[in-house]
Amino acid sequence: VGFRPMLQDLPDGWILQGRVMRNLRLIAEDGFPID
C-alpha cells in the first residue's frame, strides 16, 4: 500500500537528486502514497 525510503540514514539533499525526483513524479502521477 506504500513504500518508504530511509531518508534519515541518507545524506542531506539525497531526495533532490534528478533520478529520485523523476521517480517521485512517477508515483505522484499514479497518486501512490509514500512514507
Full PDB file with SEQRES, HELIX, SHEET, SSBOND, CRYST1, ORIGX, SCALE, CONECT and MASTER records, all heavy atoms in Angstrom:
SEQRES   1 A   35  VAL GLY PHE ARG PRO MET LEU GLN ASP LEU PRO ASP GLY          
SEQRES   2 A   35  TRP ILE LEU GLN GLY ARG VAL MET ARG ASN LEU ARG LEU          
SEQRES   3 A   35  ILE ALA GLU ASP GLY PHE PRO ILE ASP                          
HELIX    1 AA1 LEU A    7  ASP A    9  5                                   3    
HELIX    2 AA2 TRP A   14  LEU A   16  5                                   3    
HELIX    3 AA3 GLY A   18  ASP A   30  1                                  13    
CRYST1    1.000    1.000    1.000  90.00  90.00  90.00 P 1           1          
ORIGX1      1.000000  0.000000  0.000000        0.00000                         
ORIGX2      0.000000  1.000000  0.000000        0.00000                         
ORIGX3      0.000000  0.000000  1.000000        0.00000                         
SCALE1      1.000000  0.000000  0.000000        0.00000                         
SCALE2      0.000000  1.000000  0.000000        0.00000                         
SCALE3      0.000000  0.000000  1.000000        0.00000                         
ATOM      1  N   VAL A   1       0.808  -1.223   0.000  1.00  0.00           N  
ATOM      2  CA  VAL A   1       0.000   0.000   0.000  1.00  0.00           C  
ATOM      3  C   VAL A   1       0.837   1.268   0.000  1.00  0.00           C  
ATOM      4  O   VAL A   1       0.298   2.382  -0.081  1.00  0.00           O  
ATOM      5  CB  VAL A   1      -0.976   0.014   1.202  1.00  0.00           C  
ATOM      6  CG1 VAL A   1      -1.933  -1.168   1.125  1.00  0.00           C  
ATOM      7  CG2 VAL A   1      -0.226   0.023   2.534  1.00  0.00           C  
ATOM      8  N   GLY A   2       2.155   1.143   0.110  1.00  0.00           N  
ATOM      9  CA  GLY A   2       3.033   2.302   0.119  1.00  0.00           C  
ATOM     10  C   GLY A   2       4.466   1.848   0.252  1.00  0.00           C  
ATOM     11  O   GLY A   2       4.751   0.655   0.392  1.00  0.00           O  
ATOM     12  N   PHE A   3       5.389   2.796   0.198  1.00  0.00           N  
ATOM     13  CA  PHE A   3       6.791   2.458   0.429  1.00  0.00           C  
ATOM     14  C   PHE A   3       7.471   3.630   1.119  1.00  0.00           C  
ATOM     15  O   PHE A   3       6.953   4.741   1.174  1.00  0.00           O  
ATOM     16  CB  PHE A   3       7.508   2.073  -0.867  1.00  0.00           C  
ATOM     17  CG  PHE A   3       7.786   3.212  -1.803  1.00  0.00           C  
ATOM     18  CD1 PHE A   3       9.022   3.840  -1.822  1.00  0.00           C  
ATOM     19  CD2 PHE A   3       6.812   3.661  -2.677  1.00  0.00           C  
ATOM     20  CE1 PHE A   3       9.277   4.903  -2.682  1.00  0.00           C  
ATOM     21  CE2 PHE A   3       7.055   4.714  -3.543  1.00  0.00           C  
ATOM     22  CZ  PHE A   3       8.284   5.336  -3.549  1.00  0.00           C  
ATOM     23  N   ARG A   4       8.663   3.341   1.673  1.00  0.00           N  
ATOM     24  CA  ARG A   4       9.366   4.355   2.451  1.00  0.00           C  
ATOM     25  C   ARG A   4      10.864   4.270   2.221  1.00  0.00           C  
ATOM     26  O   ARG A   4      11.483   3.251   2.521  1.00  0.00           O  
ATOM     27  CB  ARG A   4       9.075   4.168   3.949  1.00  0.00           C  
ATOM     28  CG  ARG A   4       9.774   5.185   4.834  1.00  0.00           C  
ATOM     29  CD  ARG A   4       9.376   5.054   6.281  1.00  0.00           C  
ATOM     30  NE  ARG A   4      10.101   4.009   6.997  1.00  0.00           N  
ATOM     31  CZ  ARG A   4      10.260   3.980   8.319  1.00  0.00           C  
ATOM     32  NH1 ARG A   4       9.730   4.947   9.062  1.00  0.00           N  
ATOM     33  NH2 ARG A   4      10.910   2.989   8.905  1.00  0.00           N  
ATOM     34  N   PRO A   5      11.478   5.330   1.697  1.00  0.00           N  
ATOM     35  CA  PRO A   5      12.945   5.401   1.697  1.00  0.00           C  
ATOM     36  C   PRO A   5      13.421   5.784   3.100  1.00  0.00           C  
ATOM     37  O   PRO A   5      12.758   6.542   3.802  1.00  0.00           O  
ATOM     38  CB  PRO A   5      13.241   6.518   0.690  1.00  0.00           C  
ATOM     39  CG  PRO A   5      12.029   7.393   0.729  1.00  0.00           C  
ATOM     40  CD  PRO A   5      10.861   6.497   1.065  1.00  0.00           C  
ATOM     41  N   MET A   6      14.561   5.253   3.512  1.00  0.00           N  
ATOM     42  CA  MET A   6      15.070   5.528   4.864  1.00  0.00           C  
ATOM     43  C   MET A   6      15.885   6.820   4.848  1.00  0.00           C  
ATOM     44  O   MET A   6      17.113   6.835   4.977  1.00  0.00           O  
ATOM     45  CB  MET A   6      15.873   4.336   5.374  1.00  0.00           C  
ATOM     46  CG  MET A   6      15.031   3.079   5.492  1.00  0.00           C  
ATOM     47  SD  MET A   6      15.885   1.631   6.175  1.00  0.00           S  
ATOM     48  CE  MET A   6      15.842   1.985   7.939  1.00  0.00           C  
ATOM     49  N   LEU A   7      15.165   7.931   4.708  1.00  0.00           N  
ATOM     50  CA  LEU A   7      15.802   9.229   4.487  1.00  0.00           C  
ATOM     51  C   LEU A   7      16.703   9.650   5.636  1.00  0.00           C  
ATOM     52  O   LEU A   7      17.713  10.320   5.422  1.00  0.00           O  
ATOM     53  CB  LEU A   7      14.735  10.297   4.241  1.00  0.00           C  
ATOM     54  CG  LEU A   7      13.953  10.165   2.933  1.00  0.00           C  
ATOM     55  CD1 LEU A   7      12.788  11.142   2.906  1.00  0.00           C  
ATOM     56  CD2 LEU A   7      14.860  10.390   1.736  1.00  0.00           C  
ATOM     57  N   GLN A   8      16.361   9.278   6.862  1.00  0.00           N  
ATOM     58  CA  GLN A   8      17.160   9.743   7.999  1.00  0.00           C  
ATOM     59  C   GLN A   8      18.574   9.157   7.975  1.00  0.00           C  
ATOM     60  O   GLN A   8      19.474   9.679   8.622  1.00  0.00           O  
ATOM     61  CB  GLN A   8      16.476   9.407   9.316  1.00  0.00           C  
ATOM     62  CG  GLN A   8      16.447   7.938   9.681  1.00  0.00           C  
ATOM     63  CD  GLN A   8      15.852   7.710  11.053  1.00  0.00           C  
ATOM     64  OE1 GLN A   8      15.081   8.514  11.566  1.00  0.00           O  
ATOM     65  NE2 GLN A   8      16.205   6.601  11.672  1.00  0.00           N  
ATOM     66  N   ASP A   9      18.769   8.073   7.202  1.00  0.00           N  
ATOM     67  CA  ASP A   9      20.085   7.459   7.102  1.00  0.00           C  
ATOM     68  C   ASP A   9      20.824   7.852   5.831  1.00  0.00           C  
ATOM     69  O   ASP A   9      21.927   7.355   5.574  1.00  0.00           O  
ATOM     70  CB  ASP A   9      19.950   5.932   7.140  1.00  0.00           C  
ATOM     71  CG  ASP A   9      19.330   5.441   8.432  1.00  0.00           C  
ATOM     72  OD1 ASP A   9      19.582   6.073   9.481  1.00  0.00           O  
ATOM     73  OD2 ASP A   9      18.600   4.435   8.407  1.00  0.00           O  
ATOM     74  N   LEU A  10      20.230   8.740   5.031  1.00  0.00           N  
ATOM     75  CA  LEU A  10      20.817   9.136   3.753  1.00  0.00           C  
ATOM     76  C   LEU A  10      21.362  10.552   3.835  1.00  0.00           C  
ATOM     77  O   LEU A  10      20.941  11.346   4.685  1.00  0.00           O  
ATOM     78  CB  LEU A  10      19.759   9.035   2.650  1.00  0.00           C  
ATOM     79  CG  LEU A  10      19.240   7.612   2.386  1.00  0.00           C  
ATOM     80  CD1 LEU A  10      18.033   7.636   1.466  1.00  0.00           C  
ATOM     81  CD2 LEU A  10      20.346   6.742   1.797  1.00  0.00           C  
ATOM     82  N   PRO A  11      22.294  10.924   2.957  1.00  0.00           N  
ATOM     83  CA  PRO A  11      22.876  12.273   3.011  1.00  0.00           C  
ATOM     84  C   PRO A  11      21.824  13.357   2.794  1.00  0.00           C  
ATOM     85  O   PRO A  11      20.843  13.160   2.061  1.00  0.00           O  
ATOM     86  CB  PRO A  11      23.896  12.261   1.857  1.00  0.00           C  
ATOM     87  CG  PRO A  11      24.153  10.827   1.566  1.00  0.00           C  
ATOM     88  CD  PRO A  11      22.897  10.094   1.888  1.00  0.00           C  
ATOM     89  N   ASP A  12      22.014  14.499   3.420  1.00  0.00           N  
ATOM     90  CA  ASP A  12      21.130  15.634   3.183  1.00  0.00           C  
ATOM     91  C   ASP A  12      21.141  15.961   1.694  1.00  0.00           C  
ATOM     92  O   ASP A  12      22.188  15.911   1.033  1.00  0.00           O  
ATOM     93  CB  ASP A  12      21.604  16.854   3.983  1.00  0.00           C  
ATOM     94  CG  ASP A  12      21.440  16.663   5.479  1.00  0.00           C  
ATOM     95  OD1 ASP A  12      20.922  15.605   5.889  1.00  0.00           O  
ATOM     96  OD2 ASP A  12      21.849  17.557   6.245  1.00  0.00           O  
ATOM     97  N   GLY A  13      19.990  16.287   1.164  1.00  0.00           N  
ATOM     98  CA  GLY A  13      19.883  16.619  -0.248  1.00  0.00           C  
ATOM     99  C   GLY A  13      19.671  15.424  -1.155  1.00  0.00           C  
ATOM    100  O   GLY A  13      19.425  15.603  -2.357  1.00  0.00           O  
ATOM    101  N   TRP A  14      19.733  14.211  -0.605  1.00  0.00           N  
ATOM    102  CA  TRP A  14      19.576  12.997  -1.422  1.00  0.00           C  
ATOM    103  C   TRP A  14      18.267  13.012  -2.205  1.00  0.00           C  
ATOM    104  O   TRP A  14      18.230  12.660  -3.385  1.00  0.00           O  
ATOM    105  CB  TRP A  14      19.642  11.771  -0.516  1.00  0.00           C  
ATOM    106  CG  TRP A  14      19.469  10.450  -1.221  1.00  0.00           C  
ATOM    107  CD1 TRP A  14      20.448   9.677  -1.750  1.00  0.00           C  
ATOM    108  CD2 TRP A  14      18.230   9.748  -1.451  1.00  0.00           C  
ATOM    109  NE1 TRP A  14      19.909   8.535  -2.307  1.00  0.00           N  
ATOM    110  CE2 TRP A  14      18.550   8.558  -2.138  1.00  0.00           C  
ATOM    111  CE3 TRP A  14      16.898  10.016  -1.150  1.00  0.00           C  
ATOM    112  CZ2 TRP A  14      17.577   7.627  -2.523  1.00  0.00           C  
ATOM    113  CZ3 TRP A  14      15.922   9.109  -1.531  1.00  0.00           C  
ATOM    114  CH2 TRP A  14      16.268   7.931  -2.216  1.00  0.00           C  
ATOM    115  N   ILE A  15      17.195  13.436  -1.565  1.00  0.00           N  
ATOM    116  CA  ILE A  15      15.881  13.371  -2.193  1.00  0.00           C  
ATOM    117  C   ILE A  15      15.730  14.349  -3.353  1.00  0.00           C  
ATOM    118  O   ILE A  15      14.812  14.234  -4.164  1.00  0.00           O  
ATOM    119  CB  ILE A  15      14.763  13.584  -1.140  1.00  0.00           C  
ATOM    120  CG1 ILE A  15      13.427  13.023  -1.669  1.00  0.00           C  
ATOM    121  CG2 ILE A  15      14.658  15.052  -0.728  1.00  0.00           C  
ATOM    122  CD1 ILE A  15      12.358  12.909  -0.623  1.00  0.00           C  
ATOM    123  N   LEU A  16      16.648  15.306  -3.473  1.00  0.00           N  
ATOM    124  CA  LEU A  16      16.569  16.310  -4.539  1.00  0.00           C  
ATOM    125  C   LEU A  16      17.333  15.888  -5.799  1.00  0.00           C  
ATOM    126  O   LEU A  16      17.322  16.626  -6.791  1.00  0.00           O  
ATOM    127  CB  LEU A  16      17.106  17.649  -4.035  1.00  0.00           C  
ATOM    128  CG  LEU A  16      16.318  18.281  -2.891  1.00  0.00           C  
ATOM    129  CD1 LEU A  16      17.065  19.471  -2.306  1.00  0.00           C  
ATOM    130  CD2 LEU A  16      14.933  18.703  -3.361  1.00  0.00           C  
ATOM    131  N   GLN A  17      17.963  14.731  -5.776  1.00  0.00           N  
ATOM    132  CA  GLN A  17      18.706  14.265  -6.947  1.00  0.00           C  
ATOM    133  C   GLN A  17      17.766  14.030  -8.132  1.00  0.00           C  
ATOM    134  O   GLN A  17      16.594  13.670  -7.960  1.00  0.00           O  
ATOM    135  CB  GLN A  17      19.436  12.966  -6.629  1.00  0.00           C  
ATOM    136  CG  GLN A  17      20.507  13.090  -5.561  1.00  0.00           C  
ATOM    137  CD  GLN A  17      21.125  11.744  -5.268  1.00  0.00           C  
ATOM    138  OE1 GLN A  17      22.220  11.438  -5.725  1.00  0.00           O  
ATOM    139  NE2 GLN A  17      20.423  10.915  -4.515  1.00  0.00           N  
ATOM    140  N   GLY A  18      18.317  14.198  -9.337  1.00  0.00           N  
ATOM    141  CA  GLY A  18      17.499  14.130 -10.538  1.00  0.00           C  
ATOM    142  C   GLY A  18      16.724  12.840 -10.704  1.00  0.00           C  
ATOM    143  O   GLY A  18      15.515  12.855 -10.991  1.00  0.00           O  
ATOM    144  N   ARG A  19      17.383  11.694 -10.546  1.00  0.00           N  
ATOM    145  CA  ARG A  19      16.695  10.423 -10.742  1.00  0.00           C  
ATOM    146  C   ARG A  19      15.642  10.193  -9.660  1.00  0.00           C  
ATOM    147  O   ARG A  19      14.547   9.670  -9.936  1.00  0.00           O  
ATOM    148  CB  ARG A  19      17.713   9.276 -10.748  1.00  0.00           C  
ATOM    149  CG  ARG A  19      17.100   7.921 -11.041  1.00  0.00           C  
ATOM    150  CD  ARG A  19      18.135   6.926 -11.533  1.00  0.00           C  
ATOM    151  NE  ARG A  19      19.276   6.827 -10.629  1.00  0.00           N  
ATOM    152  CZ  ARG A  19      20.437   6.283 -10.982  1.00  0.00           C  
ATOM    153  NH1 ARG A  19      20.610   5.818 -12.209  1.00  0.00           N  
ATOM    154  NH2 ARG A  19      21.434   6.206 -10.114  1.00  0.00           N  
ATOM    155  N   VAL A  20      15.947  10.582  -8.428  1.00  0.00           N  
ATOM    156  CA  VAL A  20      14.978  10.455  -7.339  1.00  0.00           C  
ATOM    157  C   VAL A  20      13.746  11.308  -7.633  1.00  0.00           C  
ATOM    158  O   VAL A  20      12.605  10.850  -7.483  1.00  0.00           O  
ATOM    159  CB  VAL A  20      15.616  10.863  -5.993  1.00  0.00           C  
ATOM    160  CG1 VAL A  20      14.569  10.877  -4.882  1.00  0.00           C  
ATOM    161  CG2 VAL A  20      16.762   9.917  -5.634  1.00  0.00           C  
ATOM    162  N   MET A  21      13.963  12.528  -8.073  1.00  0.00           N  
ATOM    163  CA  MET A  21      12.841  13.414  -8.386  1.00  0.00           C  
ATOM    164  C   MET A  21      12.008  12.861  -9.538  1.00  0.00           C  
ATOM    165  O   MET A  21      10.764  12.946  -9.527  1.00  0.00           O  
ATOM    166  CB  MET A  21      13.355  14.814  -8.713  1.00  0.00           C  
ATOM    167  CG  MET A  21      13.945  15.560  -7.522  1.00  0.00           C  
ATOM    168  SD  MET A  21      12.688  16.058  -6.307  1.00  0.00           S  
ATOM    169  CE  MET A  21      11.913  17.432  -7.181  1.00  0.00           C  
ATOM    170  N   ARG A  22      12.647  12.292 -10.539  1.00  0.00           N  
ATOM    171  CA  ARG A  22      11.893  11.705 -11.654  1.00  0.00           C  
ATOM    172  C   ARG A  22      11.002  10.564 -11.167  1.00  0.00           C  
ATOM    173  O   ARG A  22       9.844  10.439 -11.586  1.00  0.00           O  
ATOM    174  CB  ARG A  22      12.852  11.189 -12.733  1.00  0.00           C  
ATOM    175  CG  ARG A  22      13.497  12.273 -13.563  1.00  0.00           C  
ATOM    176  CD  ARG A  22      14.125  11.725 -14.838  1.00  0.00           C  
ATOM    177  NE  ARG A  22      15.186  10.756 -14.574  1.00  0.00           N  
ATOM    178  CZ  ARG A  22      16.451  11.087 -14.361  1.00  0.00           C  
ATOM    179  NH1 ARG A  22      16.839  12.362 -14.349  1.00  0.00           N  
ATOM    180  NH2 ARG A  22      17.359  10.141 -14.150  1.00  0.00           N  
ATOM    181  N   ASN A  23      11.526   9.751 -10.282  1.00  0.00           N  
ATOM    182  CA  ASN A  23      10.732   8.632  -9.766  1.00  0.00           C  
ATOM    183  C   ASN A  23       9.625   9.112  -8.833  1.00  0.00           C  
ATOM    184  O   ASN A  23       8.544   8.518  -8.786  1.00  0.00           O  
ATOM    185  CB  ASN A  23      11.648   7.624  -9.079  1.00  0.00           C  
ATOM    186  CG  ASN A  23      12.501   6.853 -10.071  1.00  0.00           C  
ATOM    187  OD1 ASN A  23      12.071   6.588 -11.194  1.00  0.00           O  
ATOM    188  ND2 ASN A  23      13.723   6.498  -9.686  1.00  0.00           N  
ATOM    189  N   LEU A  24       9.866  10.186  -8.101  1.00  0.00           N  
ATOM    190  CA  LEU A  24       8.797  10.770  -7.281  1.00  0.00           C  
ATOM    191  C   LEU A  24       7.673  11.308  -8.171  1.00  0.00           C  
ATOM    192  O   LEU A  24       6.489  11.198  -7.822  1.00  0.00           O  
ATOM    193  CB  LEU A  24       9.357  11.889  -6.391  1.00  0.00           C  
ATOM    194  CG  LEU A  24      10.199  11.452  -5.191  1.00  0.00           C  
ATOM    195  CD1 LEU A  24      10.816  12.663  -4.507  1.00  0.00           C  
ATOM    196  CD2 LEU A  24       9.366  10.644  -4.187  1.00  0.00           C  
ATOM    197  N   ARG A  25       8.031  11.888  -9.305  1.00  0.00           N  
ATOM    198  CA  ARG A  25       6.995  12.358 -10.238  1.00  0.00           C  
ATOM    199  C   ARG A  25       6.156  11.189 -10.760  1.00  0.00           C  
ATOM    200  O   ARG A  25       4.943  11.322 -10.951  1.00  0.00           O  
ATOM    201  CB  ARG A  25       7.633  13.117 -11.390  1.00  0.00           C  
ATOM    202  CG  ARG A  25       8.171  14.489 -11.015  1.00  0.00           C  
ATOM    203  CD  ARG A  25       8.568  15.328 -12.220  1.00  0.00           C  
ATOM    204  NE  ARG A  25       9.095  16.604 -11.777  1.00  0.00           N  
ATOM    205  CZ  ARG A  25      10.377  16.850 -11.539  1.00  0.00           C  
ATOM    206  NH1 ARG A  25      11.278  15.873 -11.731  1.00  0.00           N  
ATOM    207  NH2 ARG A  25      10.776  18.038 -11.124  1.00  0.00           N  
ATOM    208  N   LEU A  26       6.802  10.066 -10.979  1.00  0.00           N  
ATOM    209  CA  LEU A  26       6.087   8.884 -11.444  1.00  0.00           C  
ATOM    210  C   LEU A  26       5.022   8.461 -10.445  1.00  0.00           C  
ATOM    211  O   LEU A  26       3.860   8.220 -10.825  1.00  0.00           O  
ATOM    212  CB  LEU A  26       7.079   7.735 -11.672  1.00  0.00           C  
ATOM    213  CG  LEU A  26       6.488   6.351 -11.936  1.00  0.00           C  
ATOM    214  CD1 LEU A  26       5.728   6.340 -13.249  1.00  0.00           C  
ATOM    215  CD2 LEU A  26       7.584   5.284 -11.926  1.00  0.00           C  
ATOM    216  N   ILE A  27       5.383   8.371  -9.165  1.00  0.00           N  
ATOM    217  CA  ILE A  27       4.381   7.925  -8.189  1.00  0.00           C  
ATOM    218  C   ILE A  27       3.334   9.017  -7.947  1.00  0.00           C  
ATOM    219  O   ILE A  27       2.174   8.713  -7.655  1.00  0.00           O  
ATOM    220  CB  ILE A  27       5.027   7.449  -6.868  1.00  0.00           C  
ATOM    221  CG1 ILE A  27       5.704   8.589  -6.120  1.00  0.00           C  
ATOM    222  CG2 ILE A  27       5.974   6.300  -7.105  1.00  0.00           C  
ATOM    223  CD1 ILE A  27       6.015   8.252  -4.674  1.00  0.00           C  
ATOM    224  N   ALA A  28       3.736  10.278  -8.085  1.00  0.00           N  
ATOM    225  CA  ALA A  28       2.761  11.368  -7.944  1.00  0.00           C  
ATOM    226  C   ALA A  28       1.711  11.278  -9.039  1.00  0.00           C  
ATOM    227  O   ALA A  28       0.511  11.491  -8.791  1.00  0.00           O  
ATOM    228  CB  ALA A  28       3.464  12.721  -7.973  1.00  0.00           C  
ATOM    229  N   GLU A  29       2.127  10.958 -10.245  1.00  0.00           N  
ATOM    230  CA  GLU A  29       1.177  10.810 -11.351  1.00  0.00           C  
ATOM    231  C   GLU A  29       0.217   9.654 -11.097  1.00  0.00           C  
ATOM    232  O   GLU A  29      -0.955   9.708 -11.489  1.00  0.00           O  
ATOM    233  CB  GLU A  29       1.937  10.584 -12.661  1.00  0.00           C  
ATOM    234  CG  GLU A  29       2.681  11.817 -13.159  1.00  0.00           C  
ATOM    235  CD  GLU A  29       3.644  11.514 -14.291  1.00  0.00           C  
ATOM    236  OE1 GLU A  29       3.678  10.334 -14.743  1.00  0.00           O  
ATOM    237  OE2 GLU A  29       4.373  12.436 -14.718  1.00  0.00           O  
ATOM    238  N   ASP A  30       0.703   8.616 -10.429  1.00  0.00           N  
ATOM    239  CA  ASP A  30      -0.146   7.470 -10.075  1.00  0.00           C  
ATOM    240  C   ASP A  30      -0.989   7.727  -8.827  1.00  0.00           C  
ATOM    241  O   ASP A  30      -1.892   6.941  -8.524  1.00  0.00           O  
ATOM    242  CB  ASP A  30       0.728   6.240  -9.810  1.00  0.00           C  
ATOM    243  CG  ASP A  30       1.123   5.509 -11.077  1.00  0.00           C  
ATOM    244  OD1 ASP A  30       0.691   5.940 -12.169  1.00  0.00           O  
ATOM    245  OD2 ASP A  30       1.854   4.514 -10.990  1.00  0.00           O  
ATOM    246  N   GLY A  31      -0.650   8.765  -8.082  1.00  0.00           N  
ATOM    247  CA  GLY A  31      -1.334   9.002  -6.816  1.00  0.00           C  
ATOM    248  C   GLY A  31      -0.996   7.963  -5.762  1.00  0.00           C  
ATOM    249  O   GLY A  31      -1.771   7.735  -4.826  1.00  0.00           O  
ATOM    250  N   PHE A  32       0.193   7.338  -5.888  1.00  0.00           N  
ATOM    251  CA  PHE A  32       0.584   6.288  -4.951  1.00  0.00           C  
ATOM    252  C   PHE A  32       1.270   6.905  -3.738  1.00  0.00           C  
ATOM    253  O   PHE A  32       2.117   7.789  -3.879  1.00  0.00           O  
ATOM    254  CB  PHE A  32       1.526   5.300  -5.637  1.00  0.00           C  
ATOM    255  CG  PHE A  32       1.731   4.025  -4.868  1.00  0.00           C  
ATOM    256  CD1 PHE A  32       0.733   3.068  -4.821  1.00  0.00           C  
ATOM    257  CD2 PHE A  32       2.919   3.784  -4.197  1.00  0.00           C  
ATOM    258  CE1 PHE A  32       0.919   1.875  -4.111  1.00  0.00           C  
ATOM    259  CE2 PHE A  32       3.113   2.610  -3.481  1.00  0.00           C  
ATOM    260  CZ  PHE A  32       2.115   1.651  -3.442  1.00  0.00           C  
ATOM    261  N   PRO A  33       0.935   6.437  -2.527  1.00  0.00           N  
ATOM    262  CA  PRO A  33       1.462   7.086  -1.318  1.00  0.00           C  
ATOM    263  C   PRO A  33       2.875   6.677  -0.953  1.00  0.00           C  
ATOM    264  O   PRO A  33       3.325   5.562  -1.232  1.00  0.00           O  
ATOM    265  CB  PRO A  33       0.482   6.639  -0.225  1.00  0.00           C  
ATOM    266  CG  PRO A  33      -0.075   5.350  -0.711  1.00  0.00           C  
ATOM    267  CD  PRO A  33      -0.102   5.437  -2.214  1.00  0.00           C  
ATOM    268  N   ILE A  34       3.565   7.609  -0.315  1.00  0.00           N  
ATOM    269  CA  ILE A  34       4.913   7.375   0.179  1.00  0.00           C  
ATOM    270  C   ILE A  34       5.005   7.844   1.625  1.00  0.00           C  
ATOM    271  O   ILE A  34       4.413   8.870   1.994  1.00  0.00           O  
ATOM    272  CB  ILE A  34       5.963   8.105  -0.705  1.00  0.00           C  
ATOM    273  CG1 ILE A  34       7.396   7.839  -0.221  1.00  0.00           C  
ATOM    274  CG2 ILE A  34       5.683   9.600  -0.774  1.00  0.00           C  
ATOM    275  CD1 ILE A  34       8.465   8.388  -1.154  1.00  0.00           C  
ATOM    276  N   ASP A  35       5.693   7.075   2.460  1.00  0.00           N  
ATOM    277  CA  ASP A  35       6.006   7.494   3.826  1.00  0.00           C  
ATOM    278  C   ASP A  35       7.349   8.207   3.814  1.00  0.00           C  
ATOM    279  O   ASP A  35       8.278   7.788   3.115  1.00  0.00           O  
ATOM    280  CB  ASP A  35       6.096   6.281   4.756  1.00  0.00           C  
ATOM    281  CG  ASP A  35       4.758   5.888   5.353  1.00  0.00           C  
ATOM    282  OD1 ASP A  35       3.790   5.684   4.583  1.00  0.00           O  
ATOM    283  OD2 ASP A  35       4.691   5.753   6.582  1.00  0.00           O  
TER     284      ASP A  35                                                      
MASTER        0    0    0    3    0    0    0    6  283    1    0    3          
END                                                                             
